[in-house]
Amino acid sequence: MSSRSDSEPDSEPDRAANTAAVDATNEKVADLVTQPAVPNGMLERISMDPTQGANFATEPRRELTQAVRHLIDAILTRDDVTDEVLRDAAIATEDLAAQIAGSPHEAKARGRRVPSERTHGDYLTRSPIVGQVNPVAPPLEWEVRSGRIFGRGIYHAAYEGPPGYVHGGWIALTFDEILGMANVASGNPGMTGTLKIRYRRPTPLHKEVTFEGWTEKVEGRRITALGTMSFDGVVTAEAEGLFVIIDPAKAWEYFGKARGEAAPAGVEEL
């Protein structure tokens, strides 16, 4: 019994099947390129207004946040403090934390919030990079001009990598945040796909650095954003991020379903 060689032309059914497969692929690509860049309603859900979340980021909360940052710096930089002072400070700090949280440190529910309480509008105040009431954040100050993000800030002891310089991981996190914000500012919000960082020279601690982020191009659901970080007018790091605009079904699954929001039109709830 013989078999058809690889060089033998395809049969008519094979050619028809191949043509159908190519057509189907082309339709998917065309749909990806021509569908609306941002799903309906997404921009309304994401805010770049720094006053959003103001009810949470009250003056007393900001004062407490700054005090905690001061405490973190002291823990990391003072090596002339006695163990007794440190132990007393630990007890006092834990007492304060339990008082505010309403639960002890060991509680399994510690630090959790009911999902329905979260909104996109209050994210920036809690951001690990620009959050006014996040003690982990430096925080960096920012503004939007002509669809770009411009900002400045100082990284202190908590962000140290090599002695005297900012840890590269914090630089990467900063770019992830800034490029994402730039995309929102340009009207093209998306989720990070890949992030490439070029570290051109060390970024110093305790010195003001500046940064800039912007959307470079949008191709269908693919967004390319670029950014720079500089010290004293010299670029210390550059970034290129590929972001992806998620479809309404995924957006609802990730961000709306847990808060009890109704599924968008055409999305079936499971």
C-alpha atoms as a PDB file:
ATOM      1  CA  MET A   1       0.000   0.000   0.000  1.00  0.00           C
ATOM      2  CA  SER A   2       1.428   3.380  -0.965  1.00  0.00           C
ATOM      3  CA  SER A   3       1.164   6.724   0.821  1.00  0.00           C
ATOM      4  CA  ARG A   4       1.154  10.264  -0.580  1.00  0.00           C
ATOM      5  CA  SER A   5       4.566  11.952  -0.479  1.00  0.00           C
ATOM      6  CA  ASP A   6       5.035  15.318   1.283  1.00  0.00           C
ATOM      7  CA  SER A   7       5.787  16.917  -2.068  1.00  0.00           C
ATOM      8  CA  GLU A   8       2.551  15.740  -3.633  1.00  0.00           C
ATOM      9  CA  PRO A   9      -0.019  18.551  -4.035  1.00  0.00           C
ATOM     10  CA  ASP A  10      -2.814  18.683  -1.468  1.00  0.00           C
ATOM     11  CA  SER A  11      -6.157  17.261  -2.461  1.00  0.00           C
ATOM     12  CA  GLU A  12      -9.063  19.595  -3.084  1.00  0.00           C
ATOM     13  CA  PRO A  13     -10.582  18.936   0.391  1.00  0.00           C
ATOM     14  CA  ASP A  14      -7.193  19.628   2.019  1.00  0.00           C
ATOM     15  CA  ARG A  15      -6.792  22.900   0.161  1.00  0.00           C
ATOM     16  CA  ALA A  16     -10.304  23.919   1.128  1.00  0.00           C
ATOM     17  CA  ALA A  17      -9.610  23.125   4.789  1.00  0.00           C
ATOM     18  CA  ASN A  18      -6.362  25.106   4.720  1.00  0.00           C
ATOM     19  CA  THR A  19      -8.086  28.064   3.100  1.00  0.00           C
ATOM     20  CA  ALA A  20     -10.816  27.991   5.737  1.00  0.00           C
ATOM     21  CA  ALA A  21      -8.229  27.893   8.536  1.00  0.00           C
ATOM     22  CA  VAL A  22      -6.347  30.864   7.075  1.00  0.00           C
ATOM     23  CA  ASP A  23      -9.586  32.819   6.661  1.00  0.00           C
ATOM     24  CA  ALA A  24     -10.552  32.105  10.276  1.00  0.00           C
ATOM     25  CA  THR A  25      -7.153  33.291  11.510  1.00  0.00           C
ATOM     26  CA  ASN A  26      -7.369  36.456   9.425  1.00  0.00           C
ATOM     27  CA  GLU A  27     -10.814  37.177  10.850  1.00  0.00           C
ATOM     28  CA  LYS A  28      -9.464  36.879  14.402  1.00  0.00           C
ATOM     29  CA  VAL A  29      -6.561  39.215  13.619  1.00  0.00           C
ATOM     30  CA  ALA A  30      -8.875  41.704  11.950  1.00  0.00           C
ATOM     31  CA  ASP A  31     -11.195  41.613  14.948  1.00  0.00           C
ATOM     32  CA  LEU A  32      -8.259  42.215  17.292  1.00  0.00           C
ATOM     33  CA  VAL A  33      -7.118  45.237  15.312  1.00  0.00           C
ATOM     34  CA  THR A  34     -10.500  46.815  14.593  1.00  0.00           C
ATOM     35  CA  GLN A  35     -12.357  46.315  17.849  1.00  0.00           C
ATOM     36  CA  PRO A  36     -12.684  49.383  20.083  1.00  0.00           C
ATOM     37  CA  ALA A  37      -9.390  50.052  21.845  1.00  0.00           C
ATOM     38  CA  VAL A  38     -11.065  50.442  25.224  1.00  0.00           C
ATOM     39  CA  PRO A  39     -14.125  48.400  26.251  1.00  0.00           C
ATOM     40  CA  ASN A  40     -17.243  50.469  26.810  1.00  0.00           C
ATOM     41  CA  GLY A  41     -17.383  51.948  30.285  1.00  0.00           C
ATOM     42  CA  MET A  42     -13.798  51.147  31.246  1.00  0.00           C
ATOM     43  CA  LEU A  43     -12.556  54.736  31.154  1.00  0.00           C
ATOM     44  CA  GLU A  44     -15.435  55.815  33.359  1.00  0.00           C
ATOM     45  CA  ARG A  45     -14.308  53.243  35.935  1.00  0.00           C
ATOM     46  CA  ILE A  46     -10.688  54.366  36.075  1.00  0.00           C
ATOM     47  CA  SER A  47      -9.868  57.789  37.446  1.00  0.00           C
ATOM     48  CA  MET A  48      -6.702  59.884  37.245  1.00  0.00           C
ATOM     49  CA  ASP A  49      -8.214  62.528  39.508  1.00  0.00           C
ATOM     50  CA  PRO A  50      -5.868  62.840  42.520  1.00  0.00           C
ATOM     51  CA  THR A  51      -8.804  63.997  44.643  1.00  0.00           C
ATOM     52  CA  GLN A  52     -10.515  60.621  44.207  1.00  0.00           C
ATOM     53  CA  GLY A  53     -10.400  58.699  47.474  1.00  0.00           C
ATOM     54  CA  ALA A  54     -10.215  61.945  49.438  1.00  0.00           C
ATOM     55  CA  ASN A  55     -12.728  60.637  51.966  1.00  0.00           C
ATOM     56  CA  PHE A  56     -10.212  57.927  52.824  1.00  0.00           C
ATOM     57  CA  ALA A  57      -7.011  59.962  52.482  1.00  0.00           C
ATOM     58  CA  THR A  58      -7.893  62.383  55.270  1.00  0.00           C
ATOM     59  CA  GLU A  59      -5.328  64.683  56.852  1.00  0.00           C
ATOM     60  CA  PRO A  60      -4.982  62.543  60.020  1.00  0.00           C
ATOM     61  CA  ARG A  61      -4.448  59.423  57.888  1.00  0.00           C
ATOM     62  CA  ARG A  62      -1.779  61.201  55.833  1.00  0.00           C
ATOM     63  CA  GLU A  63      -0.093  62.366  59.031  1.00  0.00           C
ATOM     64  CA  LEU A  64      -0.085  58.806  60.374  1.00  0.00           C
ATOM     65  CA  THR A  65       1.321  57.526  57.080  1.00  0.00           C
ATOM     66  CA  GLN A  66       4.186  60.010  57.225  1.00  0.00           C
ATOM     67  CA  ALA A  67       4.909  59.037  60.827  1.00  0.00           C
ATOM     68  CA  VAL A  68       5.116  55.359  59.839  1.00  0.00           C
ATOM     69  CA  ARG A  69       7.550  56.247  57.030  1.00  0.00           C
ATOM     70  CA  HIS A  70       9.666  58.068  59.584  1.00  0.00           C
ATOM     71  CA  LEU A  71       9.588  54.995  61.821  1.00  0.00           C
ATOM     72  CA  ILE A  72      10.660  52.750  58.929  1.00  0.00           C
ATOM     73  CA  ASP A  73      13.604  55.022  58.171  1.00  0.00           C
ATOM     74  CA  ALA A  74      14.614  55.058  61.830  1.00  0.00           C
ATOM     75  CA  ILE A  75      14.502  51.251  62.063  1.00  0.00           C
ATOM     76  CA  LEU A  76      16.734  50.921  59.016  1.00  0.00           C
ATOM     77  CA  THR A  77      19.260  53.660  59.759  1.00  0.00           C
ATOM     78  CA  ARG A  78      19.771  53.975  63.519  1.00  0.00           C
ATOM     79  CA  ASP A  79      22.236  51.433  64.918  1.00  0.00           C
ATOM     80  CA  ASP A  80      22.856  53.264  68.202  1.00  0.00           C
ATOM     81  CA  VAL A  81      19.459  52.526  69.770  1.00  0.00           C
ATOM     82  CA  THR A  82      19.282  50.138  72.738  1.00  0.00           C
ATOM     83  CA  ASP A  83      17.326  46.899  72.630  1.00  0.00           C
ATOM     84  CA  GLU A  84      15.142  48.196  75.434  1.00  0.00           C
ATOM     85  CA  VAL A  85      14.066  51.204  73.390  1.00  0.00           C
ATOM     86  CA  LEU A  86      13.407  48.997  70.359  1.00  0.00           C
ATOM     87  CA  ARG A  87      11.373  46.517  72.406  1.00  0.00           C
ATOM     88  CA  ASP A  88       9.266  49.284  73.956  1.00  0.00           C
ATOM     89  CA  ALA A  89       8.708  50.776  70.513  1.00  0.00           C
ATOM     90  CA  ALA A  90       7.618  47.397  69.145  1.00  0.00           C
ATOM     91  CA  ILE A  91       5.056  46.946  71.913  1.00  0.00           C
ATOM     92  CA  ALA A  92       3.715  50.477  71.506  1.00  0.00           C
ATOM     93  CA  THR A  93       3.524  50.129  67.728  1.00  0.00           C
ATOM     94  CA  GLU A  94       1.711  46.800  67.926  1.00  0.00           C
ATOM     95  CA  ASP A  95      -0.766  48.255  70.410  1.00  0.00           C
ATOM     96  CA  LEU A  96      -1.468  51.146  68.047  1.00  0.00           C
ATOM     97  CA  ALA A  97      -1.859  48.809  65.075  1.00  0.00           C
ATOM     98  CA  ALA A  98      -4.310  46.595  66.946  1.00  0.00           C
ATOM     99  CA  GLN A  99      -6.260  49.662  68.067  1.00  0.00           C
ATOM    100  CA  ILE A 100      -6.645  50.949  64.506  1.00  0.00           C
ATOM    101  CA  ALA A 101      -7.208  47.546  62.886  1.00  0.00           C
ATOM    102  CA  GLY A 102      -9.616  46.308  65.510  1.00  0.00           C
ATOM    103  CA  SER A 103      -7.831  42.952  65.557  1.00  0.00           C
ATOM    104  CA  PRO A 104      -4.503  41.605  66.830  1.00  0.00           C
ATOM    105  CA  HIS A 105      -1.489  40.954  64.608  1.00  0.00           C
ATOM    106  CA  GLU A 106      -2.145  37.202  64.630  1.00  0.00           C
ATOM    107  CA  ALA A 107      -5.696  37.505  63.275  1.00  0.00           C
ATOM    108  CA  LYS A 108      -6.139  35.697  59.934  1.00  0.00           C
ATOM    109  CA  ALA A 109      -8.377  38.475  58.616  1.00  0.00           C
ATOM    110  CA  ARG A 110      -5.753  41.115  59.401  1.00  0.00           C
ATOM    111  CA  GLY A 111      -5.508  43.775  56.728  1.00  0.00           C
ATOM    112  CA  ARG A 112      -8.335  42.486  54.554  1.00  0.00           C
ATOM    113  CA  ARG A 113     -11.105  44.582  53.105  1.00  0.00           C
ATOM    114  CA  VAL A 114     -14.469  43.530  51.783  1.00  0.00           C
ATOM    115  CA  PRO A 115     -14.065  43.446  47.962  1.00  0.00           C
ATOM    116  CA  SER A 116     -17.199  45.504  47.405  1.00  0.00           C
ATOM    117  CA  GLU A 117     -15.581  48.371  49.294  1.00  0.00           C
ATOM    118  CA  ARG A 118     -12.848  48.818  46.698  1.00  0.00           C
ATOM    119  CA  THR A 119     -13.271  51.105  43.715  1.00  0.00           C
ATOM    120  CA  HIS A 120     -10.930  52.173  40.943  1.00  0.00           C
ATOM    121  CA  GLY A 121     -11.269  55.765  42.086  1.00  0.00           C
ATOM    122  CA  ASP A 122      -9.557  55.204  45.412  1.00  0.00           C
ATOM    123  CA  TYR A 123      -6.609  53.180  44.081  1.00  0.00           C
ATOM    124  CA  LEU A 124      -4.086  55.994  43.682  1.00  0.00           C
ATOM    125  CA  THR A 125      -4.265  57.023  47.332  1.00  0.00           C
ATOM    126  CA  ARG A 126      -3.244  53.455  48.270  1.00  0.00           C
ATOM    127  CA  SER A 127      -0.674  52.953  45.492  1.00  0.00           C
ATOM    128  CA  PRO A 128       2.700  51.491  46.604  1.00  0.00           C
ATOM    129  CA  ILE A 129       4.401  54.188  44.516  1.00  0.00           C
ATOM    130  CA  VAL A 130       2.300  57.367  44.589  1.00  0.00           C
ATOM    131  CA  GLY A 131      -0.112  56.586  47.445  1.00  0.00           C
ATOM    132  CA  GLN A 132      -0.530  59.431  49.914  1.00  0.00           C
ATOM    133  CA  VAL A 133      -1.732  57.044  52.597  1.00  0.00           C
ATOM    134  CA  ASN A 134       0.458  54.033  51.832  1.00  0.00           C
ATOM    135  CA  PRO A 135       3.462  53.981  54.194  1.00  0.00           C
ATOM    136  CA  VAL A 136       5.280  51.727  51.712  1.00  0.00           C
ATOM    137  CA  ALA A 137       5.157  54.438  49.012  1.00  0.00           C
ATOM    138  CA  PRO A 138       8.001  57.012  48.824  1.00  0.00           C
ATOM    139  CA  PRO A 139       5.576  58.661  47.734  1.00  0.00           C
ATOM    140  CA  LEU A 140       6.245  60.212  44.333  1.00  0.00           C
ATOM    141  CA  GLU A 141       4.453  63.380  43.289  1.00  0.00           C
ATOM    142  CA  TRP A 142       2.979  63.495  39.801  1.00  0.00           C
ATOM    143  CA  GLU A 143       0.913  65.490  37.339  1.00  0.00           C
ATOM    144  CA  VAL A 144      -0.581  65.015  33.888  1.00  0.00           C
ATOM    145  CA  ARG A 145       0.454  67.342  31.077  1.00  0.00           C
ATOM    146  CA  SER A 146      -0.577  66.803  27.464  1.00  0.00           C
ATOM    147  CA  GLY A 147      -1.450  63.171  28.133  1.00  0.00           C
ATOM    148  CA  ARG A 148       1.927  62.415  29.752  1.00  0.00           C
ATOM    149  CA  ILE A 149       2.868  61.744  33.348  1.00  0.00           C
ATOM    150  CA  PHE A 150       5.557  63.952  34.893  1.00  0.00           C
ATOM    151  CA  GLY A 151       6.761  63.602  38.447  1.00  0.00           C
ATOM    152  CA  ARG A 152       9.455  63.761  41.056  1.00  0.00           C
ATOM    153  CA  GLY A 153      10.307  62.279  44.401  1.00  0.00           C
ATOM    154  CA  ILE A 154      12.948  61.015  46.818  1.00  0.00           C
ATOM    155  CA  TYR A 155      13.708  57.403  47.673  1.00  0.00           C
ATOM    156  CA  HIS A 156      14.917  56.964  51.244  1.00  0.00           C
ATOM    157  CA  ALA A 157      16.430  54.071  53.207  1.00  0.00           C
ATOM    158  CA  ALA A 158      13.536  51.651  52.690  1.00  0.00           C
ATOM    159  CA  TYR A 159      14.299  51.511  48.955  1.00  0.00           C
ATOM    160  CA  GLU A 160      18.033  50.827  49.127  1.00  0.00           C
ATOM    161  CA  GLY A 161      19.718  48.188  46.978  1.00  0.00           C
ATOM    162  CA  PRO A 162      23.441  48.767  46.438  1.00  0.00           C
ATOM    163  CA  PRO A 163      24.768  50.998  49.248  1.00  0.00           C
ATOM    164  CA  GLY A 164      23.575  54.531  48.626  1.00  0.00           C
ATOM    165  CA  TYR A 165      21.412  53.689  45.617  1.00  0.00           C
ATOM    166  CA  VAL A 166      17.827  52.697  44.828  1.00  0.00           C
ATOM    167  CA  HIS A 167      17.092  48.979  44.450  1.00  0.00           C
ATOM    168  CA  GLY A 168      16.423  48.038  40.832  1.00  0.00           C
ATOM    169  CA  GLY A 169      13.213  46.295  41.820  1.00  0.00           C
ATOM    170  CA  TRP A 170      11.758  49.551  43.105  1.00  0.00           C
ATOM    171  CA  ILE A 171      12.745  51.280  39.886  1.00  0.00           C
ATOM    172  CA  ALA A 172      10.926  48.580  37.910  1.00  0.00           C
ATOM    173  CA  LEU A 173       7.849  48.899  40.133  1.00  0.00           C
ATOM    174  CA  THR A 174       7.914  52.666  39.664  1.00  0.00           C
ATOM    175  CA  PHE A 175       7.967  52.308  35.896  1.00  0.00           C
ATOM    176  CA  ASP A 176       5.152  49.744  35.981  1.00  0.00           C
ATOM    177  CA  GLU A 177       3.019  52.228  37.893  1.00  0.00           C
ATOM    178  CA  ILE A 178       3.997  55.325  35.923  1.00  0.00           C
ATOM    179  CA  LEU A 179       3.573  53.765  32.486  1.00  0.00           C
ATOM    180  CA  GLY A 180       0.206  52.358  33.517  1.00  0.00           C
ATOM    181  CA  MET A 181      -0.872  55.801  34.703  1.00  0.00           C
ATOM    182  CA  ALA A 182       0.353  57.322  31.440  1.00  0.00           C
ATOM    183  CA  ASN A 183      -1.820  54.914  29.490  1.00  0.00           C
ATOM    184  CA  VAL A 184      -4.844  55.885  31.552  1.00  0.00           C
ATOM    185  CA  ALA A 185      -4.016  59.558  31.005  1.00  0.00           C
ATOM    186  CA  SER A 186      -3.886  59.025  27.231  1.00  0.00           C
ATOM    187  CA  GLY A 187      -7.202  57.152  27.267  1.00  0.00           C
ATOM    188  CA  ASN A 188      -5.710  53.684  26.765  1.00  0.00           C
ATOM    189  CA  PRO A 189      -5.797  51.763  30.065  1.00  0.00           C
ATOM    190  CA  GLY A 190      -4.423  48.238  29.991  1.00  0.00           C
ATOM    191  CA  MET A 191      -2.737  45.540  32.031  1.00  0.00           C
ATOM    192  CA  THR A 192       1.011  44.963  31.982  1.00  0.00           C
ATOM    193  CA  GLY A 193       2.155  42.258  29.568  1.00  0.00           C
ATOM    194  CA  THR A 194       5.912  42.763  29.559  1.00  0.00           C
ATOM    195  CA  LEU A 195       8.173  45.391  31.073  1.00  0.00           C
ATOM    196  CA  LYS A 196      11.746  46.003  29.936  1.00  0.00           C
ATOM    197  CA  ILE A 197      14.074  48.123  32.059  1.00  0.00           C
ATOM    198  CA  ARG A 198      17.440  49.478  30.990  1.00  0.00           C
ATOM    199  CA  TYR A 199      19.493  50.546  34.002  1.00  0.00           C
ATOM    200  CA  ARG A 200      21.888  53.126  32.570  1.00  0.00           C
ATOM    201  CA  ARG A 201      23.492  54.198  35.849  1.00  0.00           C
ATOM    202  CA  PRO A 202      22.728  53.904  39.586  1.00  0.00           C
ATOM    203  CA  THR A 203      19.868  56.042  40.900  1.00  0.00           C
ATOM    204  CA  PRO A 204      20.882  57.727  44.186  1.00  0.00           C
ATOM    205  CA  LEU A 205      19.016  57.579  47.468  1.00  0.00           C
ATOM    206  CA  HIS A 206      18.033  60.742  49.354  1.00  0.00           C
ATOM    207  CA  LYS A 207      18.185  62.855  46.187  1.00  0.00           C
ATOM    208  CA  GLU A 208      15.288  64.132  44.119  1.00  0.00           C
ATOM    209  CA  VAL A 209      14.746  62.189  40.918  1.00  0.00           C
ATOM    210  CA  THR A 210      12.355  63.020  38.102  1.00  0.00           C
ATOM    211  CA  PHE A 211      10.429  60.740  35.804  1.00  0.00           C
ATOM    212  CA  GLU A 212       8.278  60.878  32.714  1.00  0.00           C
ATOM    213  CA  GLY A 213       5.935  58.330  31.153  1.00  0.00           C
ATOM    214  CA  TRP A 214       3.916  58.368  27.956  1.00  0.00           C
ATOM    215  CA  THR A 215       1.957  56.179  25.573  1.00  0.00           C
ATOM    216  CA  GLU A 216       4.079  55.677  22.469  1.00  0.00           C
ATOM    217  CA  LYS A 217       1.649  53.786  20.243  1.00  0.00           C
ATOM    218  CA  VAL A 218      -1.566  51.758  20.254  1.00  0.00           C
ATOM    219  CA  GLU A 219      -2.164  48.855  17.885  1.00  0.00           C
ATOM    220  CA  GLY A 220      -5.525  47.220  18.452  1.00  0.00           C
ATOM    221  CA  ARG A 221      -5.385  45.942  22.025  1.00  0.00           C
ATOM    222  CA  ARG A 222      -1.599  46.330  22.301  1.00  0.00           C
ATOM    223  CA  ILE A 223      -0.279  49.478  23.966  1.00  0.00           C
ATOM    224  CA  THR A 224       3.396  50.450  23.993  1.00  0.00           C
ATOM    225  CA  ALA A 225       4.443  52.907  26.694  1.00  0.00           C
ATOM    226  CA  LEU A 226       7.861  54.426  27.350  1.00  0.00           C
ATOM    227  CA  GLY A 227       9.398  56.139  30.355  1.00  0.00           C
ATOM    228  CA  THR A 228      12.559  57.664  31.773  1.00  0.00           C
ATOM    229  CA  MET A 229      13.953  58.287  35.254  1.00  0.00           C
ATOM    230  CA  SER A 230      16.564  61.002  35.716  1.00  0.00           C
ATOM    231  CA  PHE A 231      18.792  62.547  38.367  1.00  0.00           C
ATOM    232  CA  ASP A 232      20.241  66.012  37.938  1.00  0.00           C
ATOM    233  CA  GLY A 233      19.224  66.015  34.282  1.00  0.00           C
ATOM    234  CA  VAL A 234      20.909  62.691  33.474  1.00  0.00           C
ATOM    235  CA  VAL A 235      18.815  59.615  32.612  1.00  0.00           C
ATOM    236  CA  THR A 236      19.488  56.780  35.079  1.00  0.00           C
ATOM    237  CA  ALA A 237      16.928  54.284  33.769  1.00  0.00           C
ATOM    238  CA  GLU A 238      14.599  53.763  30.823  1.00  0.00           C
ATOM    239  CA  ALA A 239      11.562  51.547  30.403  1.00  0.00           C
ATOM    240  CA  GLU A 240       9.440  50.089  27.646  1.00  0.00           C
ATOM    241  CA  GLY A 241       6.189  48.405  28.558  1.00  0.00           C
ATOM    242  CA  LEU A 242       3.765  46.366  26.514  1.00  0.00           C
ATOM    243  CA  PHE A 243       0.261  46.621  27.931  1.00  0.00           C
ATOM    244  CA  VAL A 244      -2.851  44.786  26.828  1.00  0.00           C
ATOM    245  CA  ILE A 245      -6.388  46.137  26.849  1.00  0.00           C
ATOM    246  CA  ILE A 246      -8.522  43.402  28.367  1.00  0.00           C
ATOM    247  CA  ASP A 247     -11.929  42.561  26.958  1.00  0.00           C
ATOM    248  CA  PRO A 248     -15.119  43.388  28.903  1.00  0.00           C
ATOM    249  CA  ALA A 249     -15.579  39.797  30.091  1.00  0.00           C
ATOM    250  CA  LYS A 250     -12.119  39.651  31.652  1.00  0.00           C
ATOM    251  CA  ALA A 251     -12.443  43.152  33.078  1.00  0.00           C
ATOM    252  CA  TRP A 252     -15.658  42.145  34.816  1.00  0.00           C
ATOM    253  CA  GLU A 253     -14.195  38.828  36.003  1.00  0.00           C
ATOM    254  CA  TYR A 254     -11.122  40.500  37.500  1.00  0.00           C
ATOM    255  CA  PHE A 255     -12.595  43.716  38.868  1.00  0.00           C
ATOM    256  CA  GLY A 256     -16.392  43.701  38.883  1.00  0.00           C
ATOM    257  CA  LYS A 257     -17.598  40.218  39.778  1.00  0.00           C
ATOM    258  CA  ALA A 258     -16.176  40.220  43.316  1.00  0.00           C
ATOM    259  CA  ARG A 259     -17.991  43.492  44.051  1.00  0.00           C
ATOM    260  CA  GLY A 260     -21.305  42.061  42.925  1.00  0.00           C
ATOM    261  CA  GLU A 261     -21.538  44.111  39.745  1.00  0.00           C
ATOM    262  CA  ALA A 262     -23.758  42.841  36.957  1.00  0.00           C
ATOM    263  CA  ALA A 263     -21.964  41.296  34.003  1.00  0.00           C
ATOM    264  CA  PRO A 264     -21.661  43.579  30.958  1.00  0.00           C
ATOM    265  CA  ALA A 265     -23.938  43.017  27.992  1.00  0.00           C
ATOM    266  CA  GLY A 266     -23.037  39.870  26.121  1.00  0.00           C
ATOM    267  CA  VAL A 267     -21.087  38.369  29.031  1.00  0.00           C
ATOM    268  CA  GLU A 268     -22.611  35.270  30.569  1.00  0.00           C
ATOM    269  CA  GLU A 269     -22.395  34.886  34.342  1.00  0.00           C
ATOM    270  CA  LEU A 270     -21.292  31.463  35.521  1.00  0.00           C
END
